[in-house]
PDB file of all heavy atoms in Angstrom:
ATOM      1  N   GLU A   1     -79.245  72.431 -56.683  1.00  0.00           N
ATOM      2  CA  GLU A   1     -77.989  72.937 -56.146  1.00  0.00           C
ATOM      3  C   GLU A   1     -77.978  74.461 -56.275  1.00  0.00           C
ATOM      4  O   GLU A   1     -78.031  74.981 -57.403  1.00  0.00           O
ATOM      5  CB  GLU A   1     -76.801  72.344 -56.890  1.00  0.00           C
ATOM      6  CG  GLU A   1     -76.705  70.840 -56.779  1.00  0.00           C
ATOM      7  CD  GLU A   1     -75.585  70.283 -57.632  1.00  0.00           C
ATOM      8  OE1 GLU A   1     -74.552  70.969 -57.823  1.00  0.00           O
ATOM      9  OE2 GLU A   1     -75.748  69.156 -58.125  1.00  0.00           O
ATOM     10  N   PRO A   2     -77.895  75.201 -55.169  1.00  0.00           N
ATOM     11  CA  PRO A   2     -77.952  76.666 -55.230  1.00  0.00           C
ATOM     12  C   PRO A   2     -76.941  77.297 -56.197  1.00  0.00           C
ATOM     13  O   PRO A   2     -77.295  78.209 -56.949  1.00  0.00           O
ATOM     14  CB  PRO A   2     -77.691  77.097 -53.787  1.00  0.00           C
ATOM     15  CG  PRO A   2     -78.124  75.932 -52.969  1.00  0.00           C
ATOM     16  CD  PRO A   2     -77.810  74.717 -53.804  1.00  0.00           C
ATOM     17  N   ALA A   3     -75.716  76.810 -56.208  1.00  0.00           N
ATOM     18  CA  ALA A   3     -74.685  77.391 -57.099  1.00  0.00           C
ATOM     19  C   ALA A   3     -75.052  77.169 -58.559  1.00  0.00           C
ATOM     20  O   ALA A   3     -74.886  78.066 -59.394  1.00  0.00           O
ATOM     21  CB  ALA A   3     -73.315  76.815 -56.798  1.00  0.00           C
ATOM     22  N   LEU A   4     -75.561  75.989 -58.884  1.00  0.00           N
ATOM     23  CA  LEU A   4     -75.949  75.682 -60.261  1.00  0.00           C
ATOM     24  C   LEU A   4     -77.158  76.516 -60.690  1.00  0.00           C
ATOM     25  O   LEU A   4     -77.180  77.060 -61.793  1.00  0.00           O
ATOM     26  CB  LEU A   4     -76.276  74.190 -60.376  1.00  0.00           C
ATOM     27  CG  LEU A   4     -76.564  73.646 -61.759  1.00  0.00           C
ATOM     28  CD1 LEU A   4     -75.349  73.786 -62.670  1.00  0.00           C
ATOM     29  CD2 LEU A   4     -77.004  72.198 -61.682  1.00  0.00           C
ATOM     30  N   LEU A   5     -78.121  76.667 -59.804  1.00  0.00           N
ATOM     31  CA  LEU A   5     -79.312  77.464 -60.102  1.00  0.00           C
ATOM     32  C   LEU A   5     -78.944  78.939 -60.266  1.00  0.00           C
ATOM     33  O   LEU A   5     -79.466  79.632 -61.149  1.00  0.00           O
ATOM     34  CB  LEU A   5     -80.372  77.291 -59.015  1.00  0.00           C
ATOM     35  CG  LEU A   5     -80.912  75.854 -58.880  1.00  0.00           C
ATOM     36  CD1 LEU A   5     -81.841  75.757 -57.684  1.00  0.00           C
ATOM     37  CD2 LEU A   5     -81.604  75.395 -60.143  1.00  0.00           C
ATOM     38  N   ALA A   6     -78.011  79.415 -59.459  1.00  0.00           N
ATOM     39  CA  ALA A   6     -77.565  80.822 -59.577  1.00  0.00           C
ATOM     40  C   ALA A   6     -76.823  81.035 -60.888  1.00  0.00           C
ATOM     41  O   ALA A   6     -77.018  82.059 -61.562  1.00  0.00           O
ATOM     42  CB  ALA A   6     -76.671  81.184 -58.393  1.00  0.00           C
ATOM     43  N   ALA A   7     -75.984  80.069 -61.274  1.00  0.00           N
ATOM     44  CA  ALA A   7     -75.268  80.189 -62.543  1.00  0.00           C
ATOM     45  C   ALA A   7     -76.256  80.170 -63.702  1.00  0.00           C
ATOM     46  O   ALA A   7     -76.065  80.904 -64.694  1.00  0.00           O
ATOM     47  CB  ALA A   7     -74.247  79.046 -62.675  1.00  0.00           C
ATOM     48  N   ALA A   8     -77.296  79.360 -63.621  1.00  0.00           N
ATOM     49  CA  ALA A   8     -78.315  79.315 -64.682  1.00  0.00           C
ATOM     50  C   ALA A   8     -79.014  80.662 -64.788  1.00  0.00           C
ATOM     51  O   ALA A   8     -79.239  81.170 -65.890  1.00  0.00           O
ATOM     52  CB  ALA A   8     -79.322  78.206 -64.390  1.00  0.00           C
ATOM     53  N   ALA A   9     -79.340  81.271 -63.640  1.00  0.00           N
ATOM     54  CA  ALA A   9     -80.017  82.577 -63.647  1.00  0.00           C
ATOM     55  C   ALA A   9     -79.154  83.653 -64.310  1.00  0.00           C
ATOM     56  O   ALA A   9     -79.672  84.590 -64.902  1.00  0.00           O
ATOM     57  CB  ALA A   9     -80.377  82.977 -62.230  1.00  0.00           C
ATOM     58  N   GLU A  10     -77.833  83.498 -64.231  1.00  0.00           N
ATOM     59  CA  GLU A  10     -76.909  84.459 -64.833  1.00  0.00           C
ATOM     60  C   GLU A  10     -76.687  84.197 -66.320  1.00  0.00           C
ATOM     61  O   GLU A  10     -76.063  85.025 -66.989  1.00  0.00           O
ATOM     62  CB  GLU A  10     -75.559  84.412 -64.106  1.00  0.00           C
ATOM     63  CG  GLU A  10     -75.612  84.886 -62.665  1.00  0.00           C
ATOM     64  CD  GLU A  10     -74.289  84.684 -61.953  1.00  0.00           C
ATOM     65  OE1 GLU A  10     -73.282  84.330 -62.600  1.00  0.00           O
ATOM     66  OE2 GLU A  10     -74.273  84.891 -60.724  1.00  0.00           O
ATOM     67  N   ASN A  11     -77.167  83.060 -66.842  1.00  0.00           N
ATOM     68  CA  ASN A  11     -76.920  82.684 -68.240  1.00  0.00           C
ATOM     69  C   ASN A  11     -78.206  82.295 -68.971  1.00  0.00           C
ATOM     70  O   ASN A  11     -78.309  81.202 -69.527  1.00  0.00           O
ATOM     71  CB  ASN A  11     -75.945  81.511 -68.300  1.00  0.00           C
ATOM     72  CG  ASN A  11     -74.573  81.899 -67.799  1.00  0.00           C
ATOM     73  OD1 ASN A  11     -73.865  82.630 -68.456  1.00  0.00           O
ATOM     74  ND2 ASN A  11     -74.217  81.445 -66.601  1.00  0.00           N
ATOM     75  N   PRO A  12     -79.219  83.189 -68.999  1.00  0.00           N
ATOM     76  CA  PRO A  12     -80.451  82.820 -69.698  1.00  0.00           C
ATOM     77  C   PRO A  12     -80.194  82.515 -71.173  1.00  0.00           C
ATOM     78  O   PRO A  12     -79.425  83.206 -71.834  1.00  0.00           O
ATOM     79  CB  PRO A  12     -81.344  84.054 -69.531  1.00  0.00           C
ATOM     80  CG  PRO A  12     -80.464  85.160 -69.094  1.00  0.00           C
ATOM     81  CD  PRO A  12     -79.242  84.548 -68.482  1.00  0.00           C
ATOM     82  N   GLY A  13     -80.822  81.443 -71.635  1.00  0.00           N
ATOM     83  CA  GLY A  13     -80.662  81.041 -73.029  1.00  0.00           C
ATOM     84  C   GLY A  13     -79.356  80.336 -73.334  1.00  0.00           C
ATOM     85  O   GLY A  13     -79.088  80.001 -74.471  1.00  0.00           O
ATOM     86  N   GLY A  14     -78.552  80.081 -72.315  1.00  0.00           N
ATOM     87  CA  GLY A  14     -77.244  79.441 -72.530  1.00  0.00           C
ATOM     88  C   GLY A  14     -77.181  78.070 -71.914  1.00  0.00           C
ATOM     89  O   GLY A  14     -78.121  77.280 -72.003  1.00  0.00           O
ATOM     90  N   SER A  15     -76.062  77.800 -71.275  1.00  0.00           N
ATOM     91  CA  SER A  15     -75.873  76.523 -70.616  1.00  0.00           C
ATOM     92  C   SER A  15     -74.959  76.721 -69.412  1.00  0.00           C
ATOM     93  O   SER A  15     -74.268  77.724 -69.293  1.00  0.00           O
ATOM     94  CB  SER A  15     -75.241  75.508 -71.575  1.00  0.00           C
ATOM     95  OG  SER A  15     -73.998  75.953 -72.031  1.00  0.00           O
ATOM     96  N   VAL A  16     -74.995  75.735 -68.519  1.00  0.00           N
ATOM     97  CA  VAL A  16     -74.169  75.760 -67.321  1.00  0.00           C
ATOM     98  C   VAL A  16     -73.414  74.442 -67.272  1.00  0.00           C
ATOM     99  O   VAL A  16     -74.022  73.360 -67.306  1.00  0.00           O
ATOM    100  CB  VAL A  16     -75.023  75.956 -66.055  1.00  0.00           C
ATOM    101  CG1 VAL A  16     -74.154  75.918 -64.819  1.00  0.00           C
ATOM    102  CG2 VAL A  16     -75.810  77.248 -66.117  1.00  0.00           C
ATOM    103  N   ALA A  17     -72.103  74.518 -67.197  1.00  0.00           N
ATOM    104  CA  ALA A  17     -71.272  73.320 -67.204  1.00  0.00           C
ATOM    105  C   ALA A  17     -71.224  72.663 -65.823  1.00  0.00           C
ATOM    106  O   ALA A  17     -71.203  73.339 -64.813  1.00  0.00           O
ATOM    107  CB  ALA A  17     -69.848  73.668 -67.640  1.00  0.00           C
ATOM    108  N   GLU A  18     -71.212  71.342 -65.837  1.00  0.00           N
ATOM    109  CA  GLU A  18     -70.990  70.559 -64.624  1.00  0.00           C
ATOM    110  C   GLU A  18     -69.523  70.149 -64.648  1.00  0.00           C
ATOM    111  O   GLU A  18     -69.089  69.393 -65.507  1.00  0.00           O
ATOM    112  CB  GLU A  18     -71.891  69.328 -64.603  1.00  0.00           C
ATOM    113  CG  GLU A  18     -71.687  68.473 -63.388  1.00  0.00           C
ATOM    114  CD  GLU A  18     -72.535  67.205 -63.422  1.00  0.00           C
ATOM    115  OE1 GLU A  18     -73.112  66.871 -64.463  1.00  0.00           O
ATOM    116  OE2 GLU A  18     -72.586  66.550 -62.372  1.00  0.00           O
ATOM    117  N   ILE A  19     -68.757  70.670 -63.696  1.00  0.00           N
ATOM    118  CA  ILE A  19     -67.318  70.469 -63.663  1.00  0.00           C
ATOM    119  C   ILE A  19     -66.976  69.356 -62.672  1.00  0.00           C
ATOM    120  O   ILE A  19     -67.474  69.327 -61.559  1.00  0.00           O
ATOM    121  CB  ILE A  19     -66.601  71.785 -63.286  1.00  0.00           C
ATOM    122  CG1 ILE A  19     -66.907  72.834 -64.342  1.00  0.00           C
ATOM    123  CG2 ILE A  19     -65.108  71.573 -63.151  1.00  0.00           C
ATOM    124  CD1 ILE A  19     -66.465  74.233 -63.964  1.00  0.00           C
ATOM    125  N   ASP A  20     -66.106  68.470 -63.093  1.00  0.00           N
ATOM    126  CA  ASP A  20     -65.648  67.368 -62.241  1.00  0.00           C
ATOM    127  C   ASP A  20     -64.526  67.899 -61.365  1.00  0.00           C
ATOM    128  O   ASP A  20     -63.433  68.171 -61.841  1.00  0.00           O
ATOM    129  CB  ASP A  20     -65.150  66.230 -63.122  1.00  0.00           C
ATOM    130  CG  ASP A  20     -64.786  64.995 -62.345  1.00  0.00           C
ATOM    131  OD1 ASP A  20     -64.587  65.078 -61.112  1.00  0.00           O
ATOM    132  OD2 ASP A  20     -64.691  63.916 -62.968  1.00  0.00           O
ATOM    133  N   PRO A  21     -64.748  68.037 -60.061  1.00  0.00           N
ATOM    134  CA  PRO A  21     -63.732  68.629 -59.178  1.00  0.00           C
ATOM    135  C   PRO A  21     -62.497  67.763 -58.984  1.00  0.00           C
ATOM    136  O   PRO A  21     -61.479  68.242 -58.508  1.00  0.00           O
ATOM    137  CB  PRO A  21     -64.470  68.822 -57.849  1.00  0.00           C
ATOM    138  CG  PRO A  21     -65.584  67.821 -57.886  1.00  0.00           C
ATOM    139  CD  PRO A  21     -65.967  67.665 -59.327  1.00  0.00           C
ATOM    140  N   THR A  22     -62.549  66.489 -59.385  1.00  0.00           N
ATOM    141  CA  THR A  22     -61.370  65.625 -59.210  1.00  0.00           C
ATOM    142  C   THR A  22     -60.275  65.949 -60.209  1.00  0.00           C
ATOM    143  O   THR A  22     -59.142  65.491 -60.052  1.00  0.00           O
ATOM    144  CB  THR A  22     -61.746  64.132 -59.319  1.00  0.00           C
ATOM    145  OG1 THR A  22     -62.270  63.875 -60.622  1.00  0.00           O
ATOM    146  CG2 THR A  22     -62.756  63.736 -58.264  1.00  0.00           C
ATOM    147  N   HIS A  23     -60.594  66.708 -61.268  1.00  0.00           N
ATOM    148  CA  HIS A  23     -59.615  66.989 -62.313  1.00  0.00           C
ATOM    149  C   HIS A  23     -59.064  68.421 -62.275  1.00  0.00           C
ATOM    150  O   HIS A  23     -58.222  68.766 -63.091  1.00  0.00           O
ATOM    151  CB  HIS A  23     -60.212  66.762 -63.697  1.00  0.00           C
ATOM    152  CG  HIS A  23     -60.628  65.342 -63.921  1.00  0.00           C
ATOM    153  ND1 HIS A  23     -59.783  64.268 -63.740  1.00  0.00           N
ATOM    154  CD2 HIS A  23     -61.793  64.814 -64.341  1.00  0.00           C
ATOM    155  CE1 HIS A  23     -60.426  63.160 -64.017  1.00  0.00           C
ATOM    156  NE2 HIS A  23     -61.648  63.449 -64.371  1.00  0.00           N
ATOM    157  N   ILE A  24     -59.567  69.255 -61.368  1.00  0.00           N
ATOM    158  CA  ILE A  24     -59.099  70.641 -61.316  1.00  0.00           C
ATOM    159  C   ILE A  24     -58.937  71.084 -59.872  1.00  0.00           C
ATOM    160  O   ILE A  24     -59.551  70.535 -58.961  1.00  0.00           O
ATOM    161  CB  ILE A  24     -60.067  71.592 -62.035  1.00  0.00           C
ATOM    162  CG1 ILE A  24     -61.465  71.523 -61.402  1.00  0.00           C
ATOM    163  CG2 ILE A  24     -60.136  71.316 -63.503  1.00  0.00           C
ATOM    164  CD1 ILE A  24     -62.352  72.652 -61.805  1.00  0.00           C
ATOM    165  N   ASP A  25     -58.092  72.086 -59.672  1.00  0.00           N
ATOM    166  CA  ASP A  25     -57.894  72.640 -58.327  1.00  0.00           C
ATOM    167  C   ASP A  25     -58.793  73.848 -58.076  1.00  0.00           C
ATOM    168  O   ASP A  25     -59.200  74.099 -56.952  1.00  0.00           O
ATOM    169  CB  ASP A  25     -56.435  73.066 -58.143  1.00  0.00           C
ATOM    170  CG  ASP A  25     -55.481  71.902 -58.193  1.00  0.00           C
ATOM    171  OD1 ASP A  25     -55.898  70.794 -57.833  1.00  0.00           O
ATOM    172  OD2 ASP A  25     -54.318  72.099 -58.588  1.00  0.00           O
ATOM    173  N   ASP A  26     -59.058  74.646 -59.121  1.00  0.00           N
ATOM    174  CA  ASP A  26     -59.783  75.887 -58.967  1.00  0.00           C
ATOM    175  C   ASP A  26     -60.871  75.993 -60.042  1.00  0.00           C
ATOM    176  O   ASP A  26     -60.570  76.258 -61.199  1.00  0.00           O
ATOM    177  CB  ASP A  26     -58.795  77.062 -59.103  1.00  0.00           C
ATOM    178  CG  ASP A  26     -59.477  78.424 -58.992  1.00  0.00           C
ATOM    179  OD1 ASP A  26     -60.683  78.478 -58.646  1.00  0.00           O
ATOM    180  OD2 ASP A  26     -58.804  79.437 -59.241  1.00  0.00           O
ATOM    181  N   PRO A  27     -62.148  75.780 -59.678  1.00  0.00           N
ATOM    182  CA  PRO A  27     -63.216  75.833 -60.677  1.00  0.00           C
ATOM    183  C   PRO A  27     -63.381  77.212 -61.304  1.00  0.00           C
ATOM    184  O   PRO A  27     -64.024  77.360 -62.328  1.00  0.00           O
ATOM    185  CB  PRO A  27     -64.466  75.401 -59.913  1.00  0.00           C
ATOM    186  CG  PRO A  27     -64.139  75.666 -58.488  1.00  0.00           C
ATOM    187  CD  PRO A  27     -62.650  75.516 -58.348  1.00  0.00           C
ATOM    188  N   ASP A  28     -62.810  78.239 -60.678  1.00  0.00           N
ATOM    189  CA  ASP A  28     -62.884  79.596 -61.236  1.00  0.00           C
ATOM    190  C   ASP A  28     -61.680  79.898 -62.121  1.00  0.00           C
ATOM    191  O   ASP A  28     -61.595  80.971 -62.697  1.00  0.00           O
ATOM    192  CB  ASP A  28     -62.992  80.632 -60.113  1.00  0.00           C
ATOM    193  CG  ASP A  28     -64.279  80.466 -59.316  1.00  0.00           C
ATOM    194  OD1 ASP A  28     -65.320  80.164 -59.944  1.00  0.00           O
ATOM    195  OD2 ASP A  28     -64.247  80.623 -58.091  1.00  0.00           O
ATOM    196  N   GLY A  29     -60.735  78.959 -62.193  1.00  0.00           N
ATOM    197  CA  GLY A  29     -59.555  79.120 -63.035  1.00  0.00           C
ATOM    198  C   GLY A  29     -59.749  78.374 -64.349  1.00  0.00           C
ATOM    199  O   GLY A  29     -60.870  78.135 -64.791  1.00  0.00           O
ATOM    200  N   TYR A  30     -58.649  77.964 -64.957  1.00  0.00           N
ATOM    201  CA  TYR A  30     -58.711  77.235 -66.224  1.00  0.00           C
ATOM    202  C   TYR A  30     -59.320  75.849 -65.995  1.00  0.00           C
ATOM    203  O   TYR A  30     -58.935  75.140 -65.074  1.00  0.00           O
ATOM    204  CB  TYR A  30     -57.330  77.093 -66.827  1.00  0.00           C
ATOM    205  CG  TYR A  30     -57.313  76.210 -68.055  1.00  0.00           C
ATOM    206  CD1 TYR A  30     -57.869  76.622 -69.255  1.00  0.00           C
ATOM    207  CD2 TYR A  30     -56.798  74.910 -67.980  1.00  0.00           C
ATOM    208  CE1 TYR A  30     -57.884  75.795 -70.358  1.00  0.00           C
ATOM    209  CE2 TYR A  30     -56.820  74.074 -69.087  1.00  0.00           C
ATOM    210  CZ  TYR A  30     -57.357  74.535 -70.264  1.00  0.00           C
ATOM    211  OH  TYR A  30     -57.386  73.715 -71.363  1.00  0.00           O
ATOM    212  N   VAL A  31     -60.267  75.498 -66.816  1.00  0.00           N
ATOM    213  CA  VAL A  31     -60.911  74.184 -66.753  1.00  0.00           C
ATOM    214  C   VAL A  31     -60.708  73.505 -68.106  1.00  0.00           C
ATOM    215  O   VAL A  31     -61.256  73.949 -69.106  1.00  0.00           O
ATOM    216  CB  VAL A  31     -62.410  74.297 -66.448  1.00  0.00           C
ATOM    217  CG1 VAL A  31     -63.071  72.930 -66.431  1.00  0.00           C
ATOM    218  CG2 VAL A  31     -62.633  75.013 -65.115  1.00  0.00           C
ATOM    219  N   PRO A  32     -59.899  72.427 -68.160  1.00  0.00           N
ATOM    220  CA  PRO A  32     -59.714  71.740 -69.441  1.00  0.00           C
ATOM    221  C   PRO A  32     -61.015  71.065 -69.867  1.00  0.00           C
ATOM    222  O   PRO A  32     -61.839  70.691 -69.019  1.00  0.00           O
ATOM    223  CB  PRO A  32     -58.633  70.694 -69.119  1.00  0.00           C
ATOM    224  CG  PRO A  32     -58.700  70.490 -67.653  1.00  0.00           C
ATOM    225  CD  PRO A  32     -59.170  71.788 -67.062  1.00  0.00           C
ATOM    226  N   PRO A  33     -61.216  70.900 -71.173  1.00  0.00           N
ATOM    227  CA  PRO A  33     -62.462  70.281 -71.652  1.00  0.00           C
ATOM    228  C   PRO A  33     -62.756  68.925 -71.014  1.00  0.00           C
ATOM    229  O   PRO A  33     -63.908  68.585 -70.798  1.00  0.00           O
ATOM    230  CB  PRO A  33     -62.240  70.145 -73.154  1.00  0.00           C
ATOM    231  CG  PRO A  33     -61.188  71.133 -73.500  1.00  0.00           C
ATOM    232  CD  PRO A  33     -60.329  71.259 -72.272  1.00  0.00           C
ATOM    233  N   GLU A  34     -61.711  68.152 -70.712  1.00  0.00           N
ATOM    234  CA  GLU A  34     -61.914  66.825 -70.137  1.00  0.00           C
ATOM    235  C   GLU A  34     -62.483  66.864 -68.723  1.00  0.00           C
ATOM    236  O   GLU A  34     -62.994  65.878 -68.217  1.00  0.00           O
ATOM    237  CB  GLU A  34     -60.585  66.048 -70.130  1.00  0.00           C
ATOM    238  CG  GLU A  34     -60.033  65.775 -71.504  1.00  0.00           C
ATOM    239  CD  GLU A  34     -59.091  66.878 -71.997  1.00  0.00           C
ATOM    240  OE1 GLU A  34     -59.000  67.938 -71.377  1.00  0.00           O
ATOM    241  OE2 GLU A  34     -58.453  66.653 -73.030  1.00  0.00           O
ATOM    242  N   ALA A  35     -62.396  68.020 -68.051  1.00  0.00           N
ATOM    243  CA  ALA A  35     -62.906  68.152 -66.691  1.00  0.00           C
ATOM    244  C   ALA A  35     -64.390  68.515 -66.661  1.00  0.00           C
ATOM    245  O   ALA A  35     -65.000  68.550 -65.595  1.00  0.00           O
ATOM    246  CB  ALA A  35     -62.107  69.196 -65.919  1.00  0.00           C
ATOM    247  N   ILE A  36     -64.989  68.743 -67.820  1.00  0.00           N
ATOM    248  CA  ILE A  36     -66.418  69.079 -67.887  1.00  0.00           C
ATOM    249  C   ILE A  36     -67.214  67.795 -68.110  1.00  0.00           C
ATOM    250  O   ILE A  36     -67.031  67.114 -69.106  1.00  0.00           O
ATOM    251  CB  ILE A  36     -66.695  70.093 -69.023  1.00  0.00           C
ATOM    252  CG1 ILE A  36     -65.904  71.371 -68.777  1.00  0.00           C
ATOM    253  CG2 ILE A  36     -68.185  70.364 -69.124  1.00  0.00           C
ATOM    254  CD1 ILE A  36     -65.951  72.359 -69.924  1.00  0.00           C
TER     255      ILE A  36
END
């Protein structure tokens, strides 16, 4: 997935969260822990 790969490139040595879009309206806004 291009967006996931780009996020990984921006976070070397870290992690990239997979967000469940059914639980949030804006993935760039607040994401509750249960939506990850």
